[in-house]
Protein backbone atom coordinates (compact mmCIF):
# COMPACT_ATOMS: atom_id res chain seq x y z
CA MET A 1 128.96 74.20 70.50
CA ASN A 2 127.14 71.73 68.21
CA ALA A 3 124.41 72.60 65.76
CA HIS A 4 121.65 71.66 68.21
CA ASP A 5 123.10 73.85 70.98
CA SER A 6 123.53 76.73 68.55
CA ALA A 7 119.93 76.48 67.42
CA THR A 8 118.73 76.30 71.03
CA ALA A 9 120.75 79.40 71.99
CA THR A 10 119.40 81.29 68.99
CA THR A 11 115.83 80.36 69.90
CA ALA A 12 116.35 81.43 73.54
CA THR A 13 117.83 84.76 72.45
CA THR A 14 114.97 85.38 70.03
CA ALA A 15 112.41 84.60 72.74
CA THR A 16 114.11 86.97 75.16
CA THR A 17 114.29 89.91 72.78
CA ALA A 18 110.89 89.41 71.16
CA LYS A 19 108.46 92.27 71.68
CA PRO A 20 105.45 91.52 73.89
CA SER A 21 102.30 90.80 71.89
CA LYS A 22 99.30 93.09 72.04
CA SER A 23 97.42 90.48 74.03
CA SER A 24 100.20 90.21 76.62
CA LYS A 25 100.35 94.01 76.94
CA ALA A 26 96.60 94.12 77.46
CA THR A 27 96.79 91.36 80.06
CA LEU A 28 99.54 93.24 81.91
CA ALA A 29 97.54 96.48 81.82
CA ILE A 30 94.51 94.72 83.29
CA SER A 31 96.62 93.07 85.99
CA ASN A 32 98.21 96.41 86.94
CA ALA A 33 94.81 98.11 87.01
CA LYS A 34 93.40 95.44 89.31
CA ASP A 35 96.40 95.83 91.61
CA SER A 36 95.81 99.58 91.69
CA LEU A 37 92.14 99.23 92.58
CA TYR A 38 93.01 96.66 95.24
CA SER A 39 95.33 99.25 96.79
CA LEU A 40 92.73 102.01 96.54
CA GLN A 41 90.03 99.87 98.13
CA PHE A 42 92.39 98.96 100.97
CA LYS A 43 93.29 102.61 101.51
CA GLN A 44 89.59 103.42 101.65
CA GLN A 45 89.27 100.88 104.44
CA ARG A 46 92.10 102.55 106.36
CA HIS A 47 90.57 105.99 105.81
CA ASP A 48 87.25 104.85 107.22
CA GLU A 49 88.84 103.14 110.21
CA ILE A 50 90.76 106.27 111.17
CA TYR A 51 88.61 109.20 110.05
CA ASN A 52 85.11 107.64 110.10
CA ALA A 53 85.43 105.63 113.27
CA ASN A 54 81.86 106.54 114.26
CA LEU A 55 80.54 104.78 111.15
CA CYS A 56 82.80 101.79 111.63
CA ALA A 57 81.34 101.36 115.12
CA LEU A 58 77.88 100.76 113.64
CA SER A 59 76.54 97.36 112.68
CA LYS A 60 77.13 96.21 109.11
CA LYS A 61 73.43 96.61 108.33
CA ALA A 62 73.43 100.16 109.65
CA ARG A 63 76.54 101.05 107.65
CA VAL A 64 75.14 99.64 104.42
CA THR A 65 71.89 101.56 105.01
CA HIS A 66 73.88 104.76 105.61
CA TYR A 67 75.87 104.30 102.41
CA ALA A 68 72.73 103.50 100.40
CA LEU A 69 71.27 106.82 101.55
CA GLN A 70 74.47 108.58 100.51
CA LEU A 71 74.37 107.04 97.05
CA SER A 72 70.75 108.13 96.73
CA LYS A 73 71.76 111.65 97.74
CA PHE A 74 74.41 111.69 95.03
CA ALA A 75 71.76 110.82 92.44
CA GLY A 76 70.06 114.13 93.21
CA GLU A 77 73.37 116.00 93.14
CA MET A 78 74.23 114.44 89.77
CA ALA A 79 70.89 115.55 88.35
CA GLU A 80 71.42 119.06 89.70
CA ALA A 81 74.91 119.24 88.22
CA MET A 82 73.68 117.95 84.86
CA VAL A 83 70.95 120.58 84.74
CA ALA A 84 73.62 123.18 85.44
CA ALA A 85 75.90 121.55 82.86
CA GLU A 86 74.27 123.71 80.22
CA THR A 87 76.57 126.36 81.63
CA ASP A 88 79.53 123.94 81.66
CA ASN A 89 79.35 122.80 85.29
CA GLN A 90 81.11 119.52 84.58
CA PRO A 91 83.60 119.88 87.49
CA ALA A 92 80.68 119.69 89.95
CA LEU A 93 79.46 116.53 88.24
CA ALA A 94 82.92 114.96 88.39
CA ALA A 95 83.18 115.79 92.10
CA THR A 96 79.86 114.07 92.81
CA VAL A 97 80.83 111.00 90.77
CA LEU A 98 84.08 110.75 92.73
CA ASP A 99 82.27 110.94 96.07
CA ALA A 100 79.89 108.22 94.89
CA MET A 101 82.87 106.03 93.95
CA ILE A 102 84.31 106.54 97.43
CA THR A 103 80.99 105.49 98.97
CA VAL A 104 80.78 102.36 96.80
CA MET A 105 84.28 101.36 97.91
CA SER A 106 83.30 101.83 101.56
CA THR A 107 80.18 99.73 101.05
CA ALA A 108 82.13 97.03 99.24
CA ASN A 109 84.55 96.86 102.14
CA VAL A 110 81.71 96.31 104.60
CA LEU A 111 80.46 93.41 102.48
CA ASN A 112 83.92 92.07 101.62
CA VAL A 113 83.33 92.57 97.87
CA PRO A 114 86.45 92.82 95.64
CA LEU A 115 85.57 95.56 93.16
CA TRP A 116 88.80 94.89 91.26
CA ASP A 117 87.50 91.46 90.27
CA ILE A 118 84.16 92.37 88.67
CA GLN A 119 83.57 90.59 85.38
CA ALA A 120 83.34 92.70 82.21
CA ALA A 121 84.95 95.66 84.00
CA ASP A 122 88.49 95.38 82.62
CA GLU A 123 88.34 98.05 79.91
CA ASP A 124 86.78 100.72 82.12
CA LEU A 125 89.05 99.80 85.03
CA VAL A 126 92.17 100.29 82.92
CA GLY A 127 90.74 103.56 81.61
CA VAL A 128 89.95 104.86 85.10
CA VAL A 129 93.38 103.91 86.45
CA ARG A 130 95.21 105.44 83.48
CA GLY A 131 92.99 108.51 83.24
CA THR A 132 91.88 107.68 79.70
CA PRO A 133 88.65 109.55 78.89
CA GLN A 134 85.84 107.86 77.00
CA PRO A 135 82.93 110.00 75.74
CA ALA A 136 79.51 108.69 76.66
CA ASN A 137 75.89 109.78 76.88
CA LEU A 138 75.78 111.28 80.37
CA GLN A 139 71.99 111.24 80.57
CA VAL A 140 71.86 107.52 79.84
CA ILE A 141 74.53 106.77 82.45
CA ALA A 142 72.83 109.02 85.02
CA ILE A 143 69.45 107.36 84.50
CA SER A 144 71.09 103.94 84.74
CA TYR A 145 72.74 105.04 87.99
CA VAL A 146 69.38 106.11 89.42
CA ILE A 147 67.90 102.72 88.49
CA ALA A 148 70.82 100.85 90.10
CA VAL A 149 70.65 102.89 93.30
CA GLY A 150 66.89 102.38 93.41
CA LYS A 151 67.43 98.62 93.31
CA LEU A 152 70.05 98.96 96.03
CA ALA A 153 67.58 100.89 98.19
CA LYS A 154 64.96 98.19 97.60
CA ALA A 155 67.41 95.46 98.66
CA VAL A 156 68.30 97.37 101.83
CA GLU A 157 64.60 97.97 102.56
CA ALA A 158 63.95 94.24 102.16
CA LEU A 159 66.71 93.58 104.64
CA GLU A 160 65.15 95.99 107.13
CA GLN A 161 61.69 94.43 106.68
CA LEU A 162 63.02 90.85 106.91
CA GLU A 163 61.38 90.05 103.59
CA ALA A 164 61.74 86.62 101.98
CA LYS A 165 64.48 87.89 99.68
CA ASP A 166 68.20 87.23 99.40
CA SER A 167 69.07 90.82 100.23
CA ARG A 168 72.81 90.16 100.53
CA THR A 169 73.06 88.87 96.96
CA ALA A 170 70.85 91.67 95.65
CA ILE A 171 72.94 94.32 97.42
CA GLU A 172 76.20 92.91 96.06
CA LYS A 173 74.81 92.68 92.53
CA THR A 174 73.49 96.24 92.47
CA LEU A 175 76.64 97.55 94.13
CA CYS A 176 78.78 96.03 91.38
CA SER A 177 76.45 97.46 88.72
CA THR A 178 76.72 100.88 90.35
CA TRP A 179 80.52 100.68 90.35
CA LEU A 180 80.59 99.83 86.64
CA LEU A 181 78.36 102.81 85.87
CA LEU A 182 80.47 105.14 87.99
CA MET A 183 83.67 104.10 86.23
CA ARG A 184 82.06 104.89 82.88
CA PHE A 185 80.70 108.12 84.33
CA TRP A 186 84.19 109.09 85.52
CA ARG A 187 85.77 108.43 82.15
CA ALA A 188 83.09 110.59 80.51
CA VAL A 189 83.61 113.61 82.76
CA SER A 190 87.31 113.49 83.68
CA ASP A 191 90.72 112.68 82.22
CA GLN A 192 92.30 112.49 85.66
CA THR A 193 93.57 109.21 87.07
CA ILE A 194 91.35 107.93 89.84
CA SER A 195 94.32 107.64 92.22
CA GLU A 196 95.27 111.32 91.85
CA ALA A 197 91.65 112.43 92.18
CA LEU A 198 91.19 110.36 95.34
CA LYS A 199 94.43 111.67 96.82
CA ARG A 200 93.24 115.26 96.46
CA ARG A 201 89.75 114.48 97.73
CA MET A 202 91.00 112.57 100.75
CA TYR A 203 93.32 115.41 101.69
CA SER A 204 90.37 117.81 101.68
CA LEU A 205 88.46 115.43 103.98
CA GLU A 206 91.23 114.33 106.32
CA SER A 207 92.87 117.73 106.76
CA ASN A 208 89.72 118.91 108.57
CA SER A 209 90.69 116.77 111.54
CA ILE A 210 92.49 118.58 114.35
CA PHE A 211 94.79 115.55 114.53
CA TYR A 212 95.78 115.64 110.87
CA GLY A 213 99.54 115.26 110.78
CA THR A 214 99.48 112.99 113.83
CA TYR A 215 96.99 110.51 112.42
CA PRO A 216 98.24 108.41 109.50
CA SER A 217 96.96 109.94 106.25
CA TYR A 218 95.97 108.93 102.74
CA ASP A 219 98.78 110.83 101.00
CA LYS A 220 101.33 109.08 103.24
CA ASP A 221 99.80 105.65 102.58
CA TYR A 222 98.77 105.66 106.25
CA GLN A 223 102.31 105.34 107.53
CA VAL A 224 102.68 106.61 111.09
CA ASN A 225 104.65 109.83 111.47
CA PRO A 226 106.81 109.34 114.60
CA ASP A 227 107.46 113.06 114.85
CA GLY A 228 103.79 113.99 114.99
CA PRO A 229 102.46 117.06 113.18
CA GLY A 230 105.71 118.98 113.51
CA LEU A 231 104.40 121.57 115.92
């Protein structure tokens, strides 16, 4: 081996064994988090197709209106839980935030919006996926959520009234804003990974079906069980 080959081999070995830089680790974490949310949003689609078939049979406009009403309902439940939080009722608040996140994913799927690709969401997305808590002013987030949902309701109303307004763009924009707020909300009230929280919540919803065990389920990644419920 000549001097040039030796130097090349040394350089290659050094490059192979070099530790990843902080920036490359951060980039990998963001990429993994986006992959995780992609999977969760897809599983939400499968859940709705199987367990909320009545909603999936509605028009897109009707489904978006239904979900906007749900998100408005959660605003009231959040306020109620925060009032009760003086007696440490944070679990109730976390449960409501999780249900709101589920509803946003369902709405995003109707509109074909990739929540995993929202700009300026990387830090909170990684935190939600990893279950990394981040203290925040809950009242500020809650008020911001109410404002965002109010704008969403206005956009849906404009759609119903056929107003001269780009309702589709307005709905997408407010939906993305709502998702960002909910991720920050989740990090402030829970140290649980979003995937584990969703798995538990979906079991509580899906297991109410008399066909649970025969239908594909969330905890089985919607794989069909050829043996049925095992009765």
